[in-house]
Amino acid sequence: MIAQQPKRSPRVRREEQARIDSLSADLASPDAMVRTKARKSLLTIGGPSVPSLIRMLSHAKPHVRWEAAKALGGIANPIAASALVNALEDPDSDVRWLAAEGLVALGRDGLRPLLAALLEQAEPCSLYQGALHVCRALARKKELGPIFRPLLAILRQPWENMAVPAAAYAALSRLQEEGILR
């Protein structure tokens, strides 16, 4: 018989959330050392800090969004996939880059929301640049390369923007057919 893990008490959960809230607030500090320490602590906490970090992706200050995107990429929790896809359209290019890196870290778990966003976006935008980076990195995996080649070819040619949704749909369909995505 396997011993069951004791359930966390609500008090511990509240204390942990209070710590996460405090560390998340520290991401807005003007002191870079405070921000770095807070981000590293949130990385150590991991999954429980993801909802708070997702909220921080919409903060008014770019350095806060940068810290949140960097932490989410390090945690690589699939719950953050859609938020990272949305961050590919952040006004700050550094945040967009970290969001793309976070999606690369998620691997397959980031593909469905990324391809779904491409299905809806027929106009060239920063989403295309981020998607190009993510798909290029993931296409290095043997089973994904052939699936992503047509989409990559179109993403590299922004004047082919009308073809992006169709290519994203084709990639998503193949990923599902081959059992890579369920």
N, C-alpha and C. Protein backbone atom coordinates (compact mmCIF):
# COMPACT_ATOMS: atom_id res chain seq x y z
N MET A 1 0.84 -1.18 0.00
CA MET A 1 0.00 0.00 0.00
C MET A 1 0.88 1.24 0.00
N ILE A 2 0.55 2.17 -0.88
CA ILE A 2 1.33 3.41 -1.00
C ILE A 2 0.77 4.44 -0.03
N ALA A 3 1.68 5.03 0.73
CA ALA A 3 1.25 6.07 1.68
C ALA A 3 0.84 7.31 0.91
N GLN A 4 -0.27 7.89 1.31
CA GLN A 4 -0.75 9.10 0.65
C GLN A 4 0.00 10.31 1.18
N GLN A 5 0.26 11.24 0.29
CA GLN A 5 0.89 12.49 0.68
C GLN A 5 -0.13 13.31 1.48
N PRO A 6 0.30 13.92 2.55
CA PRO A 6 -0.64 14.77 3.27
C PRO A 6 -1.02 15.98 2.41
N LYS A 7 -2.28 16.37 2.50
CA LYS A 7 -2.74 17.55 1.76
C LYS A 7 -2.18 18.79 2.42
N ARG A 8 -1.89 19.78 1.59
CA ARG A 8 -1.44 21.05 2.13
C ARG A 8 -2.58 21.71 2.87
N SER A 9 -2.26 22.34 3.93
CA SER A 9 -3.29 23.07 4.64
C SER A 9 -3.57 24.37 3.90
N PRO A 10 -4.81 24.88 4.00
CA PRO A 10 -5.13 26.15 3.34
C PRO A 10 -4.22 27.28 3.80
N ARG A 11 -3.74 27.20 5.05
CA ARG A 11 -2.87 28.24 5.58
C ARG A 11 -1.55 28.28 4.81
N VAL A 12 -0.98 27.12 4.53
CA VAL A 12 0.26 27.07 3.77
C VAL A 12 0.02 27.62 2.37
N ARG A 13 -1.10 27.26 1.77
CA ARG A 13 -1.43 27.74 0.43
C ARG A 13 -1.54 29.26 0.42
N ARG A 14 -2.18 29.82 1.44
CA ARG A 14 -2.30 31.28 1.53
C ARG A 14 -0.93 31.92 1.71
N GLU A 15 -0.10 31.31 2.52
CA GLU A 15 1.25 31.85 2.74
C GLU A 15 2.07 31.81 1.45
N GLU A 16 1.96 30.71 0.73
CA GLU A 16 2.68 30.59 -0.52
C GLU A 16 2.17 31.64 -1.52
N GLN A 17 0.85 31.83 -1.59
CA GLN A 17 0.29 32.82 -2.51
C GLN A 17 0.72 34.22 -2.10
N ALA A 18 0.78 34.49 -0.82
CA ALA A 18 1.23 35.80 -0.35
C ALA A 18 2.68 36.03 -0.76
N ARG A 19 3.50 34.99 -0.69
CA ARG A 19 4.90 35.11 -1.11
C ARG A 19 4.97 35.35 -2.62
N ILE A 20 4.17 34.61 -3.38
CA ILE A 20 4.15 34.80 -4.83
C ILE A 20 3.71 36.22 -5.18
N ASP A 21 2.69 36.71 -4.50
CA ASP A 21 2.21 38.07 -4.75
C ASP A 21 3.29 39.11 -4.44
N SER A 22 4.00 38.90 -3.35
CA SER A 22 5.06 39.82 -2.97
C SER A 22 6.20 39.80 -3.99
N LEU A 23 6.59 38.60 -4.41
CA LEU A 23 7.66 38.48 -5.40
C LEU A 23 7.23 39.06 -6.74
N SER A 24 5.97 38.85 -7.11
CA SER A 24 5.45 39.41 -8.36
C SER A 24 5.49 40.93 -8.31
N ALA A 25 5.14 41.50 -7.18
CA ALA A 25 5.20 42.96 -7.03
C ALA A 25 6.64 43.44 -7.15
N ASP A 26 7.59 42.63 -6.67
CA ASP A 26 9.00 43.00 -6.77
C ASP A 26 9.50 43.05 -8.21
N LEU A 27 8.79 42.40 -9.13
CA LEU A 27 9.18 42.47 -10.53
C LEU A 27 9.05 43.89 -11.08
N ALA A 28 8.27 44.72 -10.41
CA ALA A 28 8.09 46.10 -10.83
C ALA A 28 9.08 47.06 -10.17
N SER A 29 9.97 46.52 -9.36
CA SER A 29 10.94 47.37 -8.66
C SER A 29 11.85 48.10 -9.64
N PRO A 30 12.23 49.33 -9.31
CA PRO A 30 13.19 50.04 -10.16
C PRO A 30 14.60 49.45 -10.02
N ASP A 31 14.83 48.65 -8.99
CA ASP A 31 16.13 48.04 -8.72
C ASP A 31 16.24 46.70 -9.47
N ALA A 32 17.14 46.63 -10.42
CA ALA A 32 17.31 45.41 -11.22
C ALA A 32 17.68 44.20 -10.37
N MET A 33 18.42 44.41 -9.31
CA MET A 33 18.80 43.29 -8.44
C MET A 33 17.57 42.71 -7.73
N VAL A 34 16.68 43.57 -7.30
CA VAL A 34 15.44 43.12 -6.65
C VAL A 34 14.60 42.33 -7.65
N ARG A 35 14.50 42.85 -8.87
CA ARG A 35 13.72 42.16 -9.91
C ARG A 35 14.31 40.79 -10.22
N THR A 36 15.63 40.73 -10.35
CA THR A 36 16.29 39.45 -10.68
C THR A 36 16.09 38.44 -9.56
N LYS A 37 16.23 38.88 -8.34
CA LYS A 37 16.04 37.98 -7.20
C LYS A 37 14.59 37.47 -7.16
N ALA A 38 13.65 38.36 -7.40
CA ALA A 38 12.24 37.97 -7.40
C ALA A 38 11.96 36.97 -8.51
N ARG A 39 12.48 37.23 -9.71
CA ARG A 39 12.25 36.31 -10.83
C ARG A 39 12.83 34.93 -10.53
N LYS A 40 14.04 34.90 -10.00
CA LYS A 40 14.67 33.62 -9.67
C LYS A 40 13.89 32.87 -8.59
N SER A 41 13.35 33.60 -7.65
CA SER A 41 12.53 32.97 -6.60
C SER A 41 11.23 32.41 -7.19
N LEU A 42 10.62 33.15 -8.10
CA LEU A 42 9.40 32.67 -8.75
C LEU A 42 9.70 31.44 -9.61
N LEU A 43 10.86 31.42 -10.23
CA LEU A 43 11.29 30.23 -10.99
C LEU A 43 11.41 29.02 -10.07
N THR A 44 11.97 29.23 -8.90
CA THR A 44 12.12 28.14 -7.93
C THR A 44 10.76 27.64 -7.47
N ILE A 45 9.83 28.54 -7.27
CA ILE A 45 8.47 28.14 -6.87
C ILE A 45 7.82 27.33 -7.99
N GLY A 46 8.04 27.77 -9.21
CA GLY A 46 7.55 27.02 -10.37
C GLY A 46 6.08 27.21 -10.65
N GLY A 47 5.38 26.09 -10.90
CA GLY A 47 3.98 26.08 -11.33
C GLY A 47 3.03 26.99 -10.57
N PRO A 48 3.08 27.02 -9.24
CA PRO A 48 2.14 27.89 -8.53
C PRO A 48 2.29 29.38 -8.85
N SER A 49 3.44 29.78 -9.37
CA SER A 49 3.64 31.20 -9.68
C SER A 49 3.17 31.56 -11.09
N VAL A 50 2.82 30.57 -11.90
CA VAL A 50 2.46 30.83 -13.30
C VAL A 50 1.26 31.78 -13.45
N PRO A 51 0.14 31.59 -12.76
CA PRO A 51 -0.98 32.54 -12.94
C PRO A 51 -0.60 33.99 -12.65
N SER A 52 0.19 34.20 -11.62
CA SER A 52 0.62 35.56 -11.29
C SER A 52 1.53 36.11 -12.38
N LEU A 53 2.43 35.29 -12.89
CA LEU A 53 3.33 35.73 -13.96
C LEU A 53 2.56 36.04 -15.24
N ILE A 54 1.54 35.24 -15.52
CA ILE A 54 0.70 35.51 -16.70
C ILE A 54 0.05 36.89 -16.56
N ARG A 55 -0.44 37.20 -15.38
CA ARG A 55 -1.04 38.53 -15.16
C ARG A 55 0.00 39.63 -15.38
N MET A 56 1.23 39.38 -14.98
CA MET A 56 2.29 40.38 -15.10
C MET A 56 2.67 40.64 -16.56
N LEU A 57 2.32 39.73 -17.46
CA LEU A 57 2.59 39.94 -18.89
C LEU A 57 1.80 41.11 -19.46
N SER A 58 0.78 41.56 -18.75
CA SER A 58 -0.01 42.70 -19.24
C SER A 58 0.29 43.98 -18.45
N HIS A 59 1.34 43.98 -17.67
CA HIS A 59 1.74 45.15 -16.89
C HIS A 59 2.11 46.30 -17.82
N ALA A 60 1.92 47.51 -17.37
CA ALA A 60 2.21 48.70 -18.19
C ALA A 60 3.71 48.86 -18.45
N LYS A 61 4.55 48.43 -17.52
CA LYS A 61 5.99 48.64 -17.67
C LYS A 61 6.64 47.47 -18.43
N PRO A 62 7.40 47.80 -19.48
CA PRO A 62 8.03 46.74 -20.27
C PRO A 62 8.98 45.84 -19.47
N HIS A 63 9.71 46.42 -18.50
CA HIS A 63 10.66 45.58 -17.76
C HIS A 63 9.93 44.55 -16.90
N VAL A 64 8.72 44.84 -16.48
CA VAL A 64 7.93 43.87 -15.72
C VAL A 64 7.48 42.74 -16.64
N ARG A 65 7.02 43.10 -17.83
CA ARG A 65 6.62 42.08 -18.80
C ARG A 65 7.81 41.22 -19.20
N TRP A 66 8.98 41.85 -19.33
CA TRP A 66 10.20 41.13 -19.66
C TRP A 66 10.52 40.09 -18.59
N GLU A 67 10.48 40.51 -17.33
CA GLU A 67 10.76 39.60 -16.22
C GLU A 67 9.75 38.45 -16.20
N ALA A 68 8.49 38.76 -16.41
CA ALA A 68 7.45 37.73 -16.40
C ALA A 68 7.66 36.74 -17.54
N ALA A 69 7.95 37.24 -18.74
CA ALA A 69 8.17 36.35 -19.89
C ALA A 69 9.39 35.48 -19.67
N LYS A 70 10.43 36.05 -19.12
CA LYS A 70 11.65 35.27 -18.84
C LYS A 70 11.37 34.17 -17.83
N ALA A 71 10.64 34.50 -16.78
CA ALA A 71 10.31 33.50 -15.76
C ALA A 71 9.41 32.40 -16.34
N LEU A 72 8.41 32.79 -17.12
CA LEU A 72 7.52 31.80 -17.71
C LEU A 72 8.27 30.86 -18.65
N GLY A 73 9.22 31.39 -19.39
CA GLY A 73 10.04 30.54 -20.25
C GLY A 73 10.86 29.55 -19.46
N GLY A 74 11.35 29.99 -18.32
CA GLY A 74 12.14 29.10 -17.47
C GLY A 74 11.31 28.03 -16.80
N ILE A 75 10.09 28.37 -16.45
CA ILE A 75 9.20 27.40 -15.80
C ILE A 75 8.66 26.40 -16.82
N ALA A 76 8.37 26.88 -18.02
CA ALA A 76 7.88 26.05 -19.13
C ALA A 76 6.65 25.22 -18.74
N ASN A 77 5.66 25.90 -18.20
CA ASN A 77 4.40 25.25 -17.83
C ASN A 77 3.40 25.47 -18.96
N PRO A 78 2.78 24.39 -19.47
CA PRO A 78 1.85 24.51 -20.59
C PRO A 78 0.70 25.49 -20.35
N ILE A 79 0.37 25.76 -19.10
CA ILE A 79 -0.71 26.70 -18.80
C ILE A 79 -0.40 28.08 -19.38
N ALA A 80 0.88 28.40 -19.52
CA ALA A 80 1.29 29.73 -20.00
C ALA A 80 1.33 29.84 -21.52
N ALA A 81 1.06 28.77 -22.25
CA ALA A 81 1.23 28.78 -23.71
C ALA A 81 0.44 29.90 -24.39
N SER A 82 -0.83 30.02 -24.12
CA SER A 82 -1.64 31.06 -24.77
C SER A 82 -1.17 32.47 -24.41
N ALA A 83 -0.79 32.66 -23.16
CA ALA A 83 -0.30 33.98 -22.74
C ALA A 83 1.01 34.31 -23.45
N LEU A 84 1.87 33.33 -23.64
CA LEU A 84 3.12 33.57 -24.35
C LEU A 84 2.86 33.87 -25.83
N VAL A 85 1.89 33.19 -26.42
CA VAL A 85 1.52 33.49 -27.80
C VAL A 85 1.03 34.94 -27.89
N ASN A 86 0.19 35.36 -26.96
CA ASN A 86 -0.28 36.75 -26.96
C ASN A 86 0.89 37.73 -26.81
N ALA A 87 1.88 37.35 -26.02
CA ALA A 87 3.04 38.22 -25.79
C ALA A 87 3.93 38.34 -27.03
N LEU A 88 3.71 37.48 -28.03
CA LEU A 88 4.45 37.63 -29.29
C LEU A 88 4.07 38.92 -30.00
N GLU A 89 2.99 39.56 -29.56
CA GLU A 89 2.57 40.83 -30.15
C GLU A 89 2.79 42.00 -29.19
N ASP A 90 3.62 41.79 -28.17
CA ASP A 90 3.94 42.85 -27.22
C ASP A 90 4.63 44.00 -27.96
N PRO A 91 4.41 45.24 -27.54
CA PRO A 91 5.08 46.37 -28.19
C PRO A 91 6.60 46.35 -28.02
N ASP A 92 7.10 45.67 -27.00
CA ASP A 92 8.54 45.62 -26.73
C ASP A 92 9.15 44.38 -27.38
N SER A 93 10.14 44.59 -28.24
CA SER A 93 10.74 43.48 -28.97
C SER A 93 11.44 42.48 -28.05
N ASP A 94 12.00 42.94 -26.94
CA ASP A 94 12.65 42.02 -26.00
C ASP A 94 11.64 41.08 -25.34
N VAL A 95 10.47 41.60 -25.04
CA VAL A 95 9.41 40.76 -24.47
C VAL A 95 8.95 39.74 -25.51
N ARG A 96 8.81 40.20 -26.75
CA ARG A 96 8.41 39.27 -27.82
C ARG A 96 9.43 38.14 -27.97
N TRP A 97 10.70 38.49 -27.92
CA TRP A 97 11.76 37.48 -28.06
C TRP A 97 11.67 36.46 -26.92
N LEU A 98 11.52 36.92 -25.70
CA LEU A 98 11.43 36.01 -24.56
C LEU A 98 10.16 35.16 -24.62
N ALA A 99 9.08 35.71 -25.13
CA ALA A 99 7.86 34.93 -25.29
C ALA A 99 8.10 33.81 -26.30
N ALA A 100 8.77 34.13 -27.40
CA ALA A 100 9.09 33.10 -28.40
C ALA A 100 10.00 32.03 -27.79
N GLU A 101 10.98 32.46 -27.03
CA GLU A 101 11.87 31.49 -26.36
C GLU A 101 11.09 30.62 -25.38
N GLY A 102 10.13 31.21 -24.70
CA GLY A 102 9.28 30.45 -23.79
C GLY A 102 8.47 29.40 -24.53
N LEU A 103 7.97 29.74 -25.71
CA LEU A 103 7.23 28.77 -26.52
C LEU A 103 8.14 27.67 -27.04
N VAL A 104 9.37 28.01 -27.37
CA VAL A 104 10.34 26.98 -27.76
C VAL A 104 10.56 26.03 -26.59
N ALA A 105 10.70 26.58 -25.38
CA ALA A 105 10.90 25.75 -24.19
C ALA A 105 9.70 24.83 -23.95
N LEU A 106 8.51 25.30 -24.27
CA LEU A 106 7.31 24.47 -24.12
C LEU A 106 7.24 23.35 -25.14
N GLY A 107 7.91 23.52 -26.27
CA GLY A 107 7.91 22.49 -27.30
C GLY A 107 6.51 22.25 -27.84
N ARG A 108 6.11 21.01 -27.90
CA ARG A 108 4.80 20.65 -28.45
C ARG A 108 3.64 21.32 -27.72
N ASP A 109 3.82 21.57 -26.43
CA ASP A 109 2.74 22.17 -25.64
C ASP A 109 2.40 23.59 -26.08
N GLY A 110 3.29 24.24 -26.80
CA GLY A 110 3.01 25.59 -27.27
C GLY A 110 2.49 25.65 -28.69
N LEU A 111 2.46 24.51 -29.39
CA LEU A 111 2.11 24.52 -30.81
C LEU A 111 0.65 24.83 -31.09
N ARG A 112 -0.26 24.19 -30.37
CA ARG A 112 -1.68 24.39 -30.66
C ARG A 112 -2.08 25.87 -30.54
N PRO A 113 -1.75 26.56 -29.43
CA PRO A 113 -2.15 27.97 -29.35
C PRO A 113 -1.43 28.85 -30.38
N LEU A 114 -0.19 28.52 -30.70
CA LEU A 114 0.54 29.30 -31.70
C LEU A 114 -0.09 29.14 -33.08
N LEU A 115 -0.35 27.91 -33.48
CA LEU A 115 -0.95 27.67 -34.79
C LEU A 115 -2.37 28.22 -34.85
N ALA A 116 -3.11 28.13 -33.75
CA ALA A 116 -4.46 28.70 -33.71
C ALA A 116 -4.40 30.21 -33.91
N ALA A 117 -3.43 30.87 -33.30
CA ALA A 117 -3.30 32.32 -33.48
C ALA A 117 -2.96 32.66 -34.93
N LEU A 118 -2.13 31.84 -35.56
CA LEU A 118 -1.79 32.08 -36.96
C LEU A 118 -2.99 31.86 -37.88
N LEU A 119 -3.86 30.94 -37.48
CA LEU A 119 -5.08 30.71 -38.27
C LEU A 119 -5.97 31.95 -38.31
N GLU A 120 -5.93 32.72 -37.24
CA GLU A 120 -6.80 33.90 -37.12
C GLU A 120 -6.16 35.17 -37.66
N GLN A 121 -4.85 35.15 -37.94
CA GLN A 121 -4.13 36.37 -38.29
C GLN A 121 -3.68 36.33 -39.74
N ALA A 122 -4.36 37.05 -40.59
CA ALA A 122 -4.00 37.08 -42.01
C ALA A 122 -3.14 38.28 -42.38
N GLU A 123 -2.94 39.18 -41.46
CA GLU A 123 -2.11 40.35 -41.72
C GLU A 123 -0.74 40.15 -41.09
N PRO A 124 0.33 40.54 -41.79
CA PRO A 124 1.66 40.38 -41.20
C PRO A 124 1.78 41.21 -39.92
N CYS A 125 2.40 40.64 -38.95
CA CYS A 125 2.55 41.31 -37.66
C CYS A 125 3.71 40.67 -36.91
N SER A 126 3.95 41.14 -35.71
CA SER A 126 5.04 40.58 -34.92
C SER A 126 4.77 39.12 -34.56
N LEU A 127 3.51 38.71 -34.56
CA LEU A 127 3.19 37.30 -34.33
C LEU A 127 3.90 36.42 -35.35
N TYR A 128 3.96 36.87 -36.60
CA TYR A 128 4.63 36.10 -37.65
C TYR A 128 6.11 35.94 -37.34
N GLN A 129 6.75 37.00 -36.88
CA GLN A 129 8.18 36.91 -36.55
C GLN A 129 8.42 35.92 -35.41
N GLY A 130 7.59 36.00 -34.38
CA GLY A 130 7.73 35.07 -33.26
C GLY A 130 7.45 33.64 -33.69
N ALA A 131 6.42 33.46 -34.50
CA ALA A 131 6.08 32.12 -34.98
C ALA A 131 7.21 31.56 -35.83
N LEU A 132 7.83 32.40 -36.63
CA LEU A 132 8.96 31.96 -37.44
C LEU A 132 10.08 31.44 -36.54
N HIS A 133 10.38 32.19 -35.50
CA HIS A 133 11.45 31.77 -34.56
C HIS A 133 11.09 30.44 -33.90
N VAL A 134 9.87 30.33 -33.40
CA VAL A 134 9.44 29.12 -32.69
C VAL A 134 9.44 27.92 -33.64
N CYS A 135 8.83 28.08 -34.80
CA CYS A 135 8.73 26.96 -35.75
C CYS A 135 10.09 26.55 -36.27
N ARG A 136 10.97 27.52 -36.49
CA ARG A 136 12.32 27.20 -36.94
C ARG A 136 13.05 26.36 -35.88
N ALA A 137 12.92 26.76 -34.63
CA ALA A 137 13.59 26.01 -33.55
C ALA A 137 13.00 24.61 -33.41
N LEU A 138 11.68 24.50 -33.46
CA LEU A 138 11.05 23.19 -33.27
C LEU A 138 11.20 22.30 -34.50
N ALA A 139 11.37 22.90 -35.67
CA ALA A 139 11.54 22.11 -36.90
C ALA A 139 12.86 21.35 -36.90
N ARG A 140 13.76 21.69 -36.00
CA ARG A 140 15.02 20.96 -35.89
C ARG A 140 14.81 19.54 -35.37
N LYS A 141 13.65 19.32 -34.75
CA LYS A 141 13.32 17.98 -34.30
C LYS A 141 12.90 17.16 -35.51
N LYS A 142 13.43 15.98 -35.61
CA LYS A 142 13.24 15.15 -36.80
C LYS A 142 11.78 15.00 -37.23
N GLU A 143 10.90 14.71 -36.28
CA GLU A 143 9.50 14.46 -36.65
C GLU A 143 8.73 15.74 -36.99
N LEU A 144 9.23 16.90 -36.58
CA LEU A 144 8.51 18.14 -36.84
C LEU A 144 9.00 18.88 -38.09
N GLY A 145 10.22 18.64 -38.51
CA GLY A 145 10.79 19.33 -39.66
C GLY A 145 9.92 19.29 -40.90
N PRO A 146 9.53 18.09 -41.37
CA PRO A 146 8.72 18.04 -42.58
C PRO A 146 7.35 18.72 -42.44
N ILE A 147 6.82 18.73 -41.25
CA ILE A 147 5.52 19.35 -41.02
C ILE A 147 5.62 20.87 -41.11
N PHE A 148 6.71 21.42 -40.60
CA PHE A 148 6.84 22.87 -40.52
C PHE A 148 7.47 23.52 -41.76
N ARG A 149 8.09 22.75 -42.63
CA ARG A 149 8.76 23.36 -43.79
C ARG A 149 7.83 24.26 -44.61
N PRO A 150 6.63 23.81 -44.98
CA PRO A 150 5.76 24.72 -45.78
C PRO A 150 5.39 26.00 -45.04
N LEU A 151 5.09 25.90 -43.76
CA LEU A 151 4.75 27.08 -42.97
C LEU A 151 5.96 28.00 -42.85
N LEU A 152 7.13 27.44 -42.61
CA LEU A 152 8.35 28.26 -42.51
C LEU A 152 8.62 29.01 -43.81
N ALA A 153 8.43 28.34 -44.93
CA ALA A 153 8.67 28.99 -46.22
C ALA A 153 7.77 30.21 -46.39
N ILE A 154 6.53 30.10 -45.95
CA ILE A 154 5.60 31.22 -46.08
C ILE A 154 5.89 32.32 -45.05
N LEU A 155 6.22 31.93 -43.82
CA LEU A 155 6.53 32.93 -42.80
C LEU A 155 7.77 33.74 -43.15
N ARG A 156 8.68 33.15 -43.90
CA ARG A 156 9.89 33.87 -44.32
C ARG A 156 9.60 34.90 -45.41
N GLN A 157 8.43 34.81 -46.03
CA GLN A 157 8.07 35.72 -47.11
C GLN A 157 6.81 36.50 -46.70
N PRO A 158 6.97 37.64 -46.05
CA PRO A 158 5.82 38.37 -45.51
C PRO A 158 4.79 38.76 -46.56
N TRP A 159 5.18 38.85 -47.82
CA TRP A 159 4.21 39.22 -48.84
C TRP A 159 3.24 38.07 -49.12
N GLU A 160 3.52 36.90 -48.59
CA GLU A 160 2.64 35.74 -48.73
C GLU A 160 1.67 35.64 -47.55
N ASN A 161 1.39 36.77 -46.90
CA ASN A 161 0.62 36.75 -45.66
C ASN A 161 -0.72 36.06 -45.75
N MET A 162 -1.37 36.10 -46.87
CA MET A 162 -2.68 35.47 -46.99
C MET A 162 -2.58 33.95 -46.90
N ALA A 163 -1.40 33.41 -47.16
CA ALA A 163 -1.21 31.96 -47.14
C ALA A 163 -0.87 31.44 -45.74
N VAL A 164 -0.57 32.31 -44.80
CA VAL A 164 -0.17 31.86 -43.46
C VAL A 164 -1.27 31.06 -42.77
N PRO A 165 -2.51 31.53 -42.70
CA PRO A 165 -3.53 30.73 -42.02
C PRO A 165 -3.70 29.34 -42.62
N ALA A 166 -3.66 29.23 -43.93
CA ALA A 166 -3.81 27.91 -44.57
C ALA A 166 -2.63 27.01 -44.23
N ALA A 167 -1.42 27.56 -44.23
CA ALA A 167 -0.24 26.77 -43.89
C ALA A 167 -0.26 26.37 -42.41
N ALA A 168 -0.74 27.25 -41.55
CA ALA A 168 -0.86 26.92 -40.13
C ALA A 168 -1.88 25.79 -39.93
N TYR A 169 -2.97 25.87 -40.67
CA TYR A 169 -4.00 24.82 -40.60
C TYR A 169 -3.44 23.48 -41.06
N ALA A 170 -2.68 23.50 -42.14
CA ALA A 170 -2.09 22.27 -42.65
C ALA A 170 -1.12 21.67 -41.63
N ALA A 171 -0.31 22.51 -41.00
CA ALA A 171 0.63 22.02 -39.99
C ALA A 171 -0.11 21.44 -38.80
N LEU A 172 -1.13 22.14 -38.33
CA LEU A 172 -1.91 21.66 -37.19
C LEU A 172 -2.58 20.33 -37.53
N SER A 173 -3.14 20.22 -38.72
CA SER A 173 -3.80 18.97 -39.13
C SER A 173 -2.81 17.81 -39.17
N ARG A 174 -1.63 18.05 -39.73
CA ARG A 174 -0.63 16.98 -39.79
C ARG A 174 -0.14 16.57 -38.41
N LEU A 175 0.05 17.55 -37.53
CA LEU A 175 0.47 17.23 -36.17
C LEU A 175 -0.56 16.34 -35.49
N GLN A 176 -1.82 16.59 -35.74
CA GLN A 176 -2.88 15.78 -35.14
C GLN A 176 -2.96 14.41 -35.81
N GLU A 177 -2.87 14.36 -37.13
CA GLU A 177 -2.92 13.10 -37.85
C GLU A 177 -1.80 12.15 -37.45
N GLU A 178 -0.61 12.71 -37.22
CA GLU A 178 0.54 11.89 -36.89
C GLU A 178 0.64 11.62 -35.38
N GLY A 179 -0.35 12.06 -34.63
CA GLY A 179 -0.39 11.79 -33.20
C GLY A 179 0.60 12.59 -32.37
N ILE A 180 1.16 13.63 -32.97
CA ILE A 180 2.12 14.47 -32.24
C ILE A 180 1.36 15.38 -31.29
N LEU A 181 0.20 15.86 -31.73
CA LEU A 181 -0.69 16.63 -30.87
C LEU A 181 -1.99 15.87 -30.75
N ARG A 182 -2.56 15.90 -29.62
CA ARG A 182 -3.84 15.22 -29.40
C ARG A 182 -4.93 16.22 -29.24
